Protein backbone atom coordinates (compact mmCIF):
# COMPACT_ATOMS: atom_id res chain seq x y z
CA MET A 1 -27.20 -14.60 -65.88
CA SER A 2 -26.05 -13.72 -62.36
CA ARG A 3 -28.34 -14.49 -59.44
CA ARG A 4 -29.84 -11.55 -57.59
CA PRO A 5 -28.53 -11.58 -53.99
CA SER A 6 -31.08 -12.58 -51.39
CA GLN A 7 -31.71 -10.59 -48.24
CA GLN A 8 -29.82 -13.24 -46.31
CA ASP A 9 -26.86 -12.89 -48.67
CA ILE A 10 -26.78 -9.15 -48.00
CA VAL A 11 -27.14 -9.58 -44.24
CA ARG A 12 -24.39 -12.21 -44.15
CA ALA A 13 -21.99 -9.98 -46.09
CA LEU A 14 -22.81 -6.97 -43.92
CA LEU A 15 -22.24 -8.90 -40.69
CA ASP A 16 -19.08 -10.60 -41.93
CA ARG A 17 -17.45 -7.40 -43.15
CA HIS A 18 -18.96 -4.56 -41.08
CA GLY A 19 -20.91 -6.23 -38.28
CA ARG A 20 -19.40 -4.91 -35.07
CA THR A 21 -20.71 -2.38 -32.60
CA TYR A 22 -18.93 0.91 -32.20
CA ALA A 23 -18.23 -0.05 -28.58
CA ALA A 24 -16.43 -3.17 -29.81
CA GLU A 25 -14.47 -1.05 -32.27
CA ALA A 26 -13.40 1.12 -29.34
CA GLY A 27 -12.12 -1.99 -27.54
CA VAL A 28 -15.07 -2.44 -25.18
CA PRO A 29 -16.12 -6.09 -24.64
CA LEU A 30 -19.72 -5.23 -23.83
CA ARG A 31 -21.20 -7.05 -20.85
CA ASN A 32 -23.96 -6.26 -18.37
CA THR A 33 -21.50 -4.92 -15.80
CA PRO A 34 -20.89 -1.30 -14.76
CA GLN A 35 -17.54 -0.59 -16.43
CA PRO A 36 -18.27 -1.70 -20.02
CA LEU A 37 -21.76 -0.16 -19.86
CA TYR A 38 -20.23 3.16 -18.85
CA GLN A 39 -17.66 2.88 -21.62
CA ALA A 40 -20.48 2.26 -24.11
CA LEU A 41 -22.12 5.44 -22.84
CA VAL A 42 -18.90 7.40 -23.42
CA VAL A 43 -18.71 6.00 -26.96
CA ALA A 44 -22.34 7.01 -27.58
CA ASP A 45 -21.68 10.50 -26.24
CA LEU A 46 -18.68 11.00 -28.53
CA LEU A 47 -20.48 9.57 -31.57
CA SER A 48 -23.41 11.93 -31.13
CA ALA A 49 -21.36 15.02 -32.05
CA ARG A 50 -21.03 16.23 -35.63
CA ILE A 51 -17.74 14.44 -36.13
CA ARG A 52 -16.59 11.36 -38.04
CA ALA A 53 -17.36 8.06 -36.33
CA SER A 54 -13.74 6.96 -36.73
CA VAL A 55 -12.57 10.04 -34.78
CA ALA A 56 -15.14 9.43 -32.04
CA VAL A 57 -13.98 5.82 -31.68
CA ALA A 58 -10.31 6.89 -31.59
CA ALA A 59 -11.10 9.47 -28.90
CA ALA A 60 -12.90 6.85 -26.82
CA ARG A 61 -9.90 4.54 -27.11
CA ALA A 62 -7.61 7.37 -25.97
CA LEU A 63 -9.80 8.12 -22.93
CA PHE A 64 -9.85 4.48 -21.92
CA ALA A 65 -6.09 4.12 -22.48
CA ALA A 66 -5.65 7.08 -20.12
CA GLY A 67 -7.47 5.05 -17.45
CA LEU A 68 -10.79 6.90 -17.68
CA ARG A 69 -12.91 3.76 -17.84
CA THR A 70 -15.32 4.31 -14.95
CA PRO A 71 -17.49 7.22 -13.82
CA ARG A 72 -15.31 7.70 -10.73
CA ARG A 73 -12.08 7.82 -12.70
CA MET A 74 -13.69 10.20 -15.20
CA ALA A 75 -15.05 12.47 -12.46
CA GLU A 76 -11.80 12.55 -10.49
CA ALA A 77 -9.51 13.10 -13.50
CA PRO A 78 -8.25 16.65 -14.00
CA TRP A 79 -10.07 18.49 -16.76
CA ARG A 80 -6.80 18.88 -18.66
CA GLN A 81 -6.27 15.11 -18.64
CA ARG A 82 -9.63 14.61 -20.32
CA VAL A 83 -8.89 17.36 -22.86
CA ASP A 84 -5.49 15.88 -23.67
CA ALA A 85 -6.88 12.37 -24.14
CA LEU A 86 -9.61 13.65 -26.46
CA GLY A 87 -7.03 15.62 -28.44
CA GLU A 88 -4.83 12.55 -28.73
CA GLY A 89 -7.76 10.76 -30.32
CA GLY A 90 -8.25 13.60 -32.80
CA TYR A 91 -11.40 14.95 -31.12
CA ARG A 92 -10.05 18.52 -31.16
CA ARG A 93 -13.00 20.52 -32.38
CA TYR A 94 -15.08 19.68 -29.30
CA ASP A 95 -12.36 18.65 -26.85
CA GLU A 96 -12.84 21.31 -24.15
CA SER A 97 -16.65 21.27 -24.03
CA THR A 98 -16.69 17.48 -24.21
CA ALA A 99 -14.14 17.18 -21.40
CA THR A 100 -16.40 19.35 -19.24
CA ARG A 101 -19.58 17.42 -19.93
CA LEU A 102 -17.89 14.02 -19.46
CA GLY A 103 -16.82 15.12 -16.00
CA GLU A 104 -20.22 16.56 -15.14
CA GLY A 105 -22.03 13.51 -16.49
CA ALA A 106 -19.85 11.17 -14.46
CA VAL A 107 -20.56 13.16 -11.29
CA LEU A 108 -24.32 13.01 -11.93
CA LEU A 109 -24.17 9.30 -12.72
CA LEU A 110 -22.31 8.64 -9.46
CA GLY A 111 -24.70 10.72 -7.41
CA ARG A 112 -27.95 9.43 -8.89
CA TYR A 113 -27.12 5.82 -9.78
CA GLY A 114 -23.97 5.02 -7.83
CA GLY A 115 -22.11 4.95 -11.15
CA ASP A 116 -24.06 1.88 -12.25
CA LEU A 117 -26.17 2.21 -15.38
CA ARG A 118 -27.97 -1.02 -14.48
CA ARG A 119 -29.86 0.99 -11.88
CA MET A 120 -31.05 3.29 -14.65
CA ARG A 121 -32.08 0.18 -16.59
CA ASP A 122 -34.07 -1.12 -13.62
CA ALA A 123 -35.80 2.23 -13.16
CA ALA A 124 -36.84 2.26 -16.83
CA GLY A 125 -38.67 -1.05 -16.39
CA GLY A 126 -38.20 -2.12 -20.01
CA ASP A 127 -39.62 1.14 -21.41
CA THR A 128 -37.30 2.44 -24.13
CA ALA A 129 -38.68 5.98 -23.94
CA ALA A 130 -38.13 6.03 -20.17
CA LEU A 131 -34.56 4.80 -20.56
CA ARG A 132 -33.78 7.37 -23.24
CA GLY A 133 -35.33 10.09 -21.12
CA ALA A 134 -33.17 9.15 -18.14
CA LEU A 135 -30.07 9.09 -20.33
CA GLN A 136 -30.88 12.56 -21.62
CA GLU A 137 -30.73 13.93 -18.09
CA LEU A 138 -26.97 13.38 -18.25
CA PRO A 139 -25.00 16.39 -19.55
CA GLY A 140 -24.23 16.07 -23.24
CA ILE A 141 -26.53 13.10 -23.89
CA GLY A 142 -29.29 14.22 -26.21
CA PRO A 143 -31.70 12.28 -28.42
CA ALA A 144 -28.89 11.13 -30.72
CA GLY A 145 -26.62 9.95 -27.91
CA SER A 146 -29.39 8.15 -26.04
CA GLY A 147 -30.44 6.38 -29.23
CA ILE A 148 -26.89 5.29 -29.98
CA PHE A 149 -26.49 3.91 -26.46
CA VAL A 150 -29.69 1.86 -26.67
CA ARG A 151 -28.67 0.60 -30.11
CA GLU A 152 -25.28 -0.51 -28.74
CA VAL A 153 -26.46 -2.23 -25.54
CA GLN A 154 -29.56 -4.01 -26.84
CA CYS A 155 -27.80 -7.39 -26.92
CA VAL A 156 -27.08 -7.24 -23.19
CA TRP A 157 -30.34 -5.44 -22.37
CA PRO A 158 -32.67 -7.50 -24.60
CA GLU A 159 -35.88 -5.95 -23.29
CA PHE A 160 -35.02 -2.91 -25.46
CA ALA A 161 -34.45 -4.97 -28.60
CA PRO A 162 -34.91 -4.76 -31.46
CA TYR A 163 -33.78 -1.15 -31.59
CA LEU A 164 -33.21 0.00 -35.15
CA ASP A 165 -33.13 3.77 -35.35
CA ALA A 166 -33.65 6.06 -38.34
CA LYS A 167 -29.99 5.90 -39.35
CA ALA A 168 -30.07 2.08 -39.33
CA LEU A 169 -33.24 2.12 -41.42
CA GLN A 170 -31.51 4.47 -43.85
CA GLY A 171 -28.71 1.94 -44.21
CA ALA A 172 -31.24 -0.83 -44.77
CA ALA A 173 -32.82 1.17 -47.60
CA GLU A 174 -29.38 1.71 -49.12
CA LEU A 175 -28.85 -2.06 -49.19
CA GLY A 176 -32.32 -2.93 -50.43
CA LEU A 177 -33.43 -4.47 -47.14
CA PRO A 178 -36.86 -4.06 -45.51
CA GLY A 179 -37.70 -0.69 -44.01
CA ASP A 180 -39.76 -2.17 -41.18
CA PRO A 181 -37.79 -2.68 -37.93
CA GLY A 182 -39.62 -5.90 -37.10
CA ARG A 183 -38.92 -7.47 -40.50
CA LEU A 184 -35.30 -6.35 -40.34
CA ALA A 185 -34.82 -7.83 -36.88
CA ARG A 186 -36.09 -11.21 -38.05
CA LEU A 187 -33.20 -11.42 -40.52
CA VAL A 188 -30.69 -11.96 -37.69
CA GLY A 189 -30.54 -13.77 -34.37
CA PRO A 190 -31.06 -11.75 -31.17
CA ASP A 191 -27.37 -12.05 -30.33
CA ARG A 192 -26.41 -10.21 -33.55
CA ILE A 193 -28.98 -7.44 -33.56
CA ALA A 194 -26.66 -4.75 -32.15
CA ALA A 195 -23.87 -5.63 -34.58
CA PHE A 196 -26.41 -5.71 -37.42
CA ALA A 197 -27.76 -2.28 -36.45
CA SER A 198 -24.24 -0.84 -36.36
CA GLY A 199 -23.46 -2.34 -39.75
CA LEU A 200 -26.58 -0.72 -41.17
CA VAL A 201 -25.53 2.62 -39.70
CA ARG A 202 -22.11 2.26 -41.34
CA ALA A 203 -23.85 1.63 -44.67
CA ALA A 204 -25.87 4.81 -44.17
CA LEU A 205 -22.85 6.91 -43.24
CA ASP A 206 -20.37 5.62 -45.80
CA PRO A 207 -21.33 4.76 -49.39
CA ALA A 208 -18.16 2.64 -49.62
CA VAL A 209 -19.60 0.24 -47.03
CA ALA A 210 -22.77 -0.31 -49.06
CA ASP A 211 -20.68 -0.75 -52.22
CA ASP A 212 -18.46 -3.27 -50.44
CA VAL A 213 -21.46 -5.31 -49.28
CA ARG A 214 -22.91 -5.31 -52.78
CA ALA A 215 -19.55 -6.37 -54.24
CA HIS A 216 -19.38 -9.33 -51.86
CA THR A 217 -22.90 -10.51 -52.65
CA ALA A 218 -22.50 -10.38 -56.42
CA ALA A 219 -22.56 -13.81 -58.00
């Protein structure tokens, strides 16, 4: 008789096979410095639209490859350059409106925070709701985008961890893991919580991910 996989078996398989943040997938080595934090925000913005995650990640890569890696470069780039980069990444359905809001958001971020999201972090004082509210003052960043950003940066901004949103909890249910954020967080170390959350989101979005995890925990 085969052994039923333990929660740790499931977590290990999820992390090994699908445990990377979307920022990492877009080529962003996330650190608590202005440029990678801004790039994580761009990734969150693109992911928050009704579009496949793979397309959002490809569009982010195209923007960064075009040199639009900082708020200043984003704000100063011609609108057409932003549109073209988004189109190159396959983000065609929302390319023009997204190009506009990326430029406007970069201008606001420069004016209010000097282009440094760490100042927004400091102003939030460890309050997740305050941080998400400040993020949502940026054009195009709504509840979904602000949640994705917090989920992505929680390893470098640990005062907001653990942050496991509804989509991550949906993935946990799909894999038979606890539905309580606190219990889920205790299954991994604090340095893996963001990657774990992203893996859970992938399991929620793509049944093939959950099937793959189950296949690799079967005895």
